[in-house]
Protein backbone atom coordinates (compact mmCIF):
# COMPACT_ATOMS: atom_id res chain seq x y z
CA MET A 1 112.11 175.87 26.87
CA SER A 2 111.65 175.84 30.67
CA ASN A 3 110.29 179.37 30.55
CA ASP A 4 107.76 178.24 27.93
CA PHE A 5 106.59 175.45 30.22
CA ASP A 6 106.25 177.87 33.13
CA ARG A 7 104.11 180.21 31.03
CA MET A 8 101.80 177.35 30.02
CA GLU A 9 101.59 175.82 33.48
CA PHE A 10 100.93 178.96 35.50
CA GLY A 11 100.39 181.84 33.09
CA GLY A 12 97.94 179.96 30.93
CA SER A 13 97.70 179.17 27.26
CA ARG A 14 94.78 180.49 25.25
CA GLU A 15 95.36 177.83 22.61
CA ASN A 16 95.66 174.97 25.12
CA PRO A 17 93.89 175.93 28.37
CA GLY A 18 93.45 172.27 29.29
CA TYR A 19 97.20 171.93 29.85
CA THR A 20 97.20 174.76 32.36
CA LEU A 21 94.06 173.59 34.19
CA ALA A 22 95.36 170.02 34.42
CA TYR A 23 98.76 171.15 35.69
CA LYS A 24 97.27 173.34 38.40
CA LYS A 25 95.07 170.45 39.53
CA ARG A 26 98.04 168.09 39.75
CA PHE A 27 100.15 170.75 41.46
CA ALA A 28 97.56 171.25 44.22
CA ILE A 29 97.06 167.51 44.79
CA THR A 30 100.82 166.92 44.97
CA LEU A 31 101.37 169.60 47.60
CA GLU A 32 98.41 168.26 49.58
CA LEU A 33 99.96 164.77 49.69
CA VAL A 34 103.34 166.14 50.76
CA ARG A 35 101.67 168.02 53.61
CA LYS A 36 99.88 164.80 54.64
CA ALA A 37 103.20 162.97 54.72
CA ALA A 38 104.96 165.40 57.09
CA PRO A 39 104.89 169.06 58.06
CA PRO A 40 107.80 171.49 57.59
CA PRO A 41 110.73 171.45 58.14
CA ALA A 42 110.82 167.86 56.86
CA ARG A 43 113.60 167.04 54.40
CA VAL A 44 112.35 166.57 50.84
CA LEU A 45 114.20 165.27 47.79
CA ASP A 46 112.54 166.43 44.57
CA ILE A 47 113.72 163.96 41.92
CA ALA A 48 113.78 165.03 38.26
CA ALA A 49 112.49 168.41 39.41
CA ALA A 50 113.05 170.21 36.09
CA GLN A 51 112.15 173.91 36.42
CA GLY A 52 111.71 173.47 40.16
CA ASN A 53 108.12 174.59 40.71
CA PHE A 54 107.50 172.03 43.46
CA THR A 55 110.96 172.57 44.95
CA LEU A 56 110.40 176.31 45.31
CA ALA A 57 106.81 176.05 46.54
CA LEU A 58 107.79 173.58 49.27
CA ALA A 59 110.83 175.61 50.29
CA GLU A 60 108.61 178.67 50.68
CA GLU A 61 106.34 176.62 52.98
CA GLY A 62 109.31 175.83 55.21
CA TYR A 63 110.44 172.41 53.94
CA ASP A 64 114.15 171.66 53.59
CA VAL A 65 114.27 170.76 49.89
CA THR A 66 116.93 169.22 47.68
CA TRP A 67 116.44 169.82 43.96
CA ASN A 68 117.62 167.14 41.54
CA ASP A 69 117.55 166.78 37.78
CA LEU A 70 119.65 165.02 35.19
CA ARG A 71 119.94 168.33 33.29
CA GLU A 72 122.41 170.29 35.41
CA GLU A 73 121.88 173.50 33.43
CA LEU A 74 118.32 173.80 34.79
CA ALA A 75 119.68 174.60 38.25
CA ASP A 76 120.58 178.13 37.12
CA TYR A 77 117.05 178.66 35.83
CA VAL A 78 115.59 177.55 39.17
CA ARG A 79 117.95 179.89 41.02
CA LEU A 80 116.59 182.80 38.97
CA LYS A 81 113.09 182.07 40.32
CA TYR A 82 114.17 181.46 43.92
CA GLU A 83 112.73 183.85 46.51
CA ARG A 84 113.03 182.26 49.94
CA GLY A 85 113.43 179.01 51.84
CA ARG A 86 116.09 176.34 52.05
CA VAL A 87 117.05 174.72 48.74
CA GLU A 88 120.09 172.57 47.95
CA PHE A 89 120.95 171.70 44.35
CA ARG A 90 122.11 168.16 43.55
CA PRO A 91 121.96 167.53 39.80
CA GLY A 92 122.66 164.07 38.43
CA ASP A 93 121.22 160.67 37.66
CA ALA A 94 118.70 159.92 40.43
CA PHE A 95 119.69 156.24 40.35
CA LYS A 96 123.27 157.15 41.32
CA LEU A 97 122.64 159.78 44.02
CA ASN A 98 124.01 159.21 47.50
CA PHE A 99 123.40 161.28 50.62
CA GLU A 100 124.71 161.13 54.16
CA LYS A 101 121.17 161.14 55.56
CA PRO A 102 118.00 159.63 54.09
CA PHE A 103 115.05 161.91 53.39
CA ASP A 104 111.69 162.22 55.13
CA ILE A 105 109.89 162.57 51.79
CA ILE A 106 110.84 161.75 48.20
CA LEU A 107 108.88 163.62 45.55
CA ALA A 108 108.82 162.18 42.03
CA THR A 109 106.36 163.94 39.74
CA GLU A 110 105.78 162.70 36.19
CA ILE A 111 109.03 160.73 35.99
CA ILE A 112 108.27 157.04 36.62
CA GLU A 113 106.57 156.80 33.20
CA HIS A 114 109.89 157.81 31.58
CA VAL A 115 111.98 154.93 32.97
CA ALA A 116 112.37 151.45 31.53
CA HIS A 117 112.37 149.82 34.98
CA PRO A 118 109.76 151.45 37.24
CA ASP A 119 110.29 148.64 39.74
CA GLU A 120 113.95 149.59 40.13
CA PHE A 121 112.98 153.25 40.27
CA LEU A 122 110.74 152.67 43.29
CA THR A 123 113.40 150.52 44.95
CA ASN A 124 115.82 153.42 44.51
CA VAL A 125 113.26 155.82 45.97
CA ALA A 126 113.01 153.54 49.00
CA ARG A 127 116.83 153.49 49.29
CA LEU A 128 116.85 157.28 49.66
CA THR A 129 114.00 157.40 52.20
CA ARG A 130 114.31 156.96 55.95
CA PRO A 131 112.44 154.02 57.55
CA GLY A 132 108.88 155.20 58.08
CA GLY A 133 109.37 158.02 55.58
CA TYR A 134 107.20 158.77 52.56
CA ALA A 135 107.22 159.07 48.81
CA VAL A 136 104.79 161.09 46.72
CA ILE A 137 104.51 159.85 43.15
CA THR A 138 102.50 161.36 40.31
CA THR A 139 102.16 159.83 36.86
CA PRO A 140 99.64 159.58 34.03
CA ASN A 141 96.93 157.02 34.76
CA GLY A 142 97.58 153.79 32.89
CA GLY A 143 93.90 152.89 33.04
CA TYR A 144 92.87 155.97 31.05
CA PHE A 145 90.86 154.86 28.03
CA ARG A 146 93.16 156.64 25.54
CA ASN A 147 96.33 154.97 26.83
CA ASN A 148 97.78 152.64 24.22
CA LEU A 149 101.14 151.97 25.87
CA PRO A 150 102.06 148.49 27.15
CA LYS A 151 101.69 147.43 30.76
CA PHE A 152 105.01 147.09 32.56
CA SER A 153 103.75 143.95 34.29
CA GLU A 154 103.06 142.29 30.95
CA HIS A 155 106.33 143.15 29.20
CA ALA A 156 108.88 140.36 29.14
CA ASP A 157 111.97 142.49 28.47
CA PRO A 158 111.70 146.16 29.50
CA SER A 159 115.45 146.59 28.97
CA ILE A 160 114.77 147.21 25.27
CA PHE A 161 113.47 150.65 26.31
CA GLU A 162 116.60 151.71 28.20
CA SER A 163 118.01 153.72 25.29
CA ARG A 164 115.02 156.07 25.26
CA GLN A 165 114.39 156.53 28.98
CA PHE A 166 114.54 159.91 30.77
CA GLY A 167 113.12 161.75 27.76
CA PRO A 168 111.43 164.97 28.98
CA ASP A 169 108.37 164.99 26.74
CA GLY A 170 105.04 163.19 26.74
CA GLY A 171 106.03 161.34 23.59
CA ASP A 172 108.84 159.71 25.58
CA HIS A 173 106.49 157.84 27.92
CA ILE A 174 107.44 154.17 28.14
CA PHE A 175 104.91 152.61 30.53
CA LEU A 176 101.85 154.17 32.14
CA LEU A 177 101.19 152.39 35.41
CA HIS A 178 97.75 151.18 36.44
CA GLU A 179 96.59 151.44 40.06
CA VAL A 180 97.11 147.76 40.79
CA GLU A 181 100.54 147.77 39.16
CA LEU A 182 101.69 150.70 41.26
CA GLN A 183 100.45 149.00 44.43
CA THR A 184 102.31 145.80 43.55
CA LEU A 185 105.56 147.59 42.70
CA ALA A 186 105.37 149.69 45.86
CA GLN A 187 104.98 146.61 48.02
CA ARG A 188 107.97 144.96 46.34
CA ALA A 189 110.01 148.07 47.14
CA GLY A 190 109.08 147.79 50.81
CA CYS A 191 106.40 150.49 50.77
CA SER A 192 102.76 150.49 51.77
CA VAL A 193 100.25 152.54 49.78
CA ARG A 194 98.64 155.11 52.06
CA GLU A 195 96.55 156.81 49.41
CA ILE A 196 95.98 156.73 45.66
CA ARG A 197 94.22 159.64 43.99
CA LEU A 198 92.84 159.52 40.47
CA HIS A 199 92.39 163.05 39.20
CA THR A 200 91.74 165.34 36.23
CA SER A 201 89.06 164.11 33.87
CA PHE A 202 89.39 164.03 30.10
CA PHE A 203 87.19 167.13 30.03
CA LEU A 204 89.52 169.30 32.13
CA ASN A 205 92.54 168.00 30.25
CA GLY A 206 91.05 169.09 26.93
CA HIS A 207 90.65 165.67 25.34
CA LEU A 208 87.83 164.50 23.08
CA LYS A 209 87.64 167.93 21.43
CA THR A 210 86.75 169.75 24.65
CA GLU A 211 89.44 172.41 24.01
CA PRO A 212 86.96 174.81 22.31
CA LEU A 213 84.68 174.55 25.36
CA LEU A 214 87.57 175.22 27.73
CA ARG A 215 88.58 178.29 25.74
CA ALA A 216 85.04 179.64 25.97
CA MET A 217 84.32 179.09 29.67
CA PRO A 218 85.82 180.50 32.88
CA ALA A 219 88.28 178.26 34.71
CA SER A 220 85.88 178.06 37.67
CA VAL A 221 83.20 176.51 35.45
CA ALA A 222 85.67 174.05 33.90
CA ASN A 223 86.88 172.99 37.35
CA GLY A 224 83.26 172.61 38.44
CA MET A 225 82.58 170.27 35.54
CA ASP A 226 85.63 168.24 36.49
CA SER A 227 84.43 168.06 40.11
CA LEU A 228 81.12 166.62 38.93
CA LEU A 229 82.92 163.96 36.92
CA GLN A 230 84.95 163.06 40.01
CA LEU A 231 81.68 161.97 41.63
CA MET A 232 81.40 159.09 39.16
CA PRO A 233 82.02 155.54 40.47
CA HIS A 234 85.68 154.70 40.93
CA ALA A 235 85.56 151.96 38.28
CA LEU A 236 84.51 154.54 35.71
CA ARG A 237 87.02 157.13 36.89
CA ARG A 238 89.80 154.62 36.20
CA LYS A 239 88.87 155.11 32.55
CA ILE A 240 88.13 158.84 32.38
CA ASP A 241 90.76 160.34 34.70
CA VAL A 242 94.08 161.29 33.16
CA GLY A 243 96.26 161.50 36.27
CA LEU A 244 97.27 159.32 39.22
CA ALA A 245 98.92 160.48 42.45
CA ALA A 246 100.06 158.23 45.28
CA LEU A 247 101.32 158.59 48.83
CA LEU A 248 103.60 155.71 49.79
CA GLN A 249 105.21 154.96 53.15
CA LEU A 250 108.40 153.00 53.60
CA SER A 251 108.35 150.20 56.15
CA GLY A 252 109.38 151.38 59.60
CA LYS A 253 111.74 148.42 59.88
CA PRO A 254 115.43 148.96 59.10
CA ARG A 255 116.24 147.97 55.53
CA VAL A 256 118.87 145.37 54.70
CA VAL A 257 120.91 146.69 51.75
């Protein structure tokens, strides 16, 4: 299964080129935000890292990376792909992890939409981050016009979703956060929002029957079309962009636990 995802994300899929193009766009933006947060050899915790693509890329750039995932068996798959750099493996429930030292950067890609309590998730991220440290979060954009999931901020009892959280597939999404929601939750967790990036238009993602066009055109042309759509006013991009990436910074003040 992990090998299948790797083939689609980096090798490409003729049947679903939008998946590959969207992943590569998110991958590049995520690494850019990590580099903005701190240069190597900063300590990075990659939460719910799955097949470890971000873990390995950052380790190769010189970061000191800890890989984490609930599925312990994935660690062996990541080891097969390892080439160089410093990587520690710490499988387990991210809510229950404990470390002797907090991290400079927490990376959580496409995971917050799979938890029943995104507010508690961000509080836990803050717990694992040093004062003044950073978190890089990516998640589907809740404002996207095709999103029909409930808002976390409007749900009276999110605990009813606890039995289905941590599912690995898109069909297991519970809440998709909107920009304002993420800002509010970050502030409650003691973080300030340094940057929010909306990215990847419906066109590049292959929605609204654009898959046949993506199969027929070079990737450079498809990315060019997406770049043009990114020039639209921000209010419109809230509706047409599929992804959201954020750089958060924990308060420099010592936390009271």
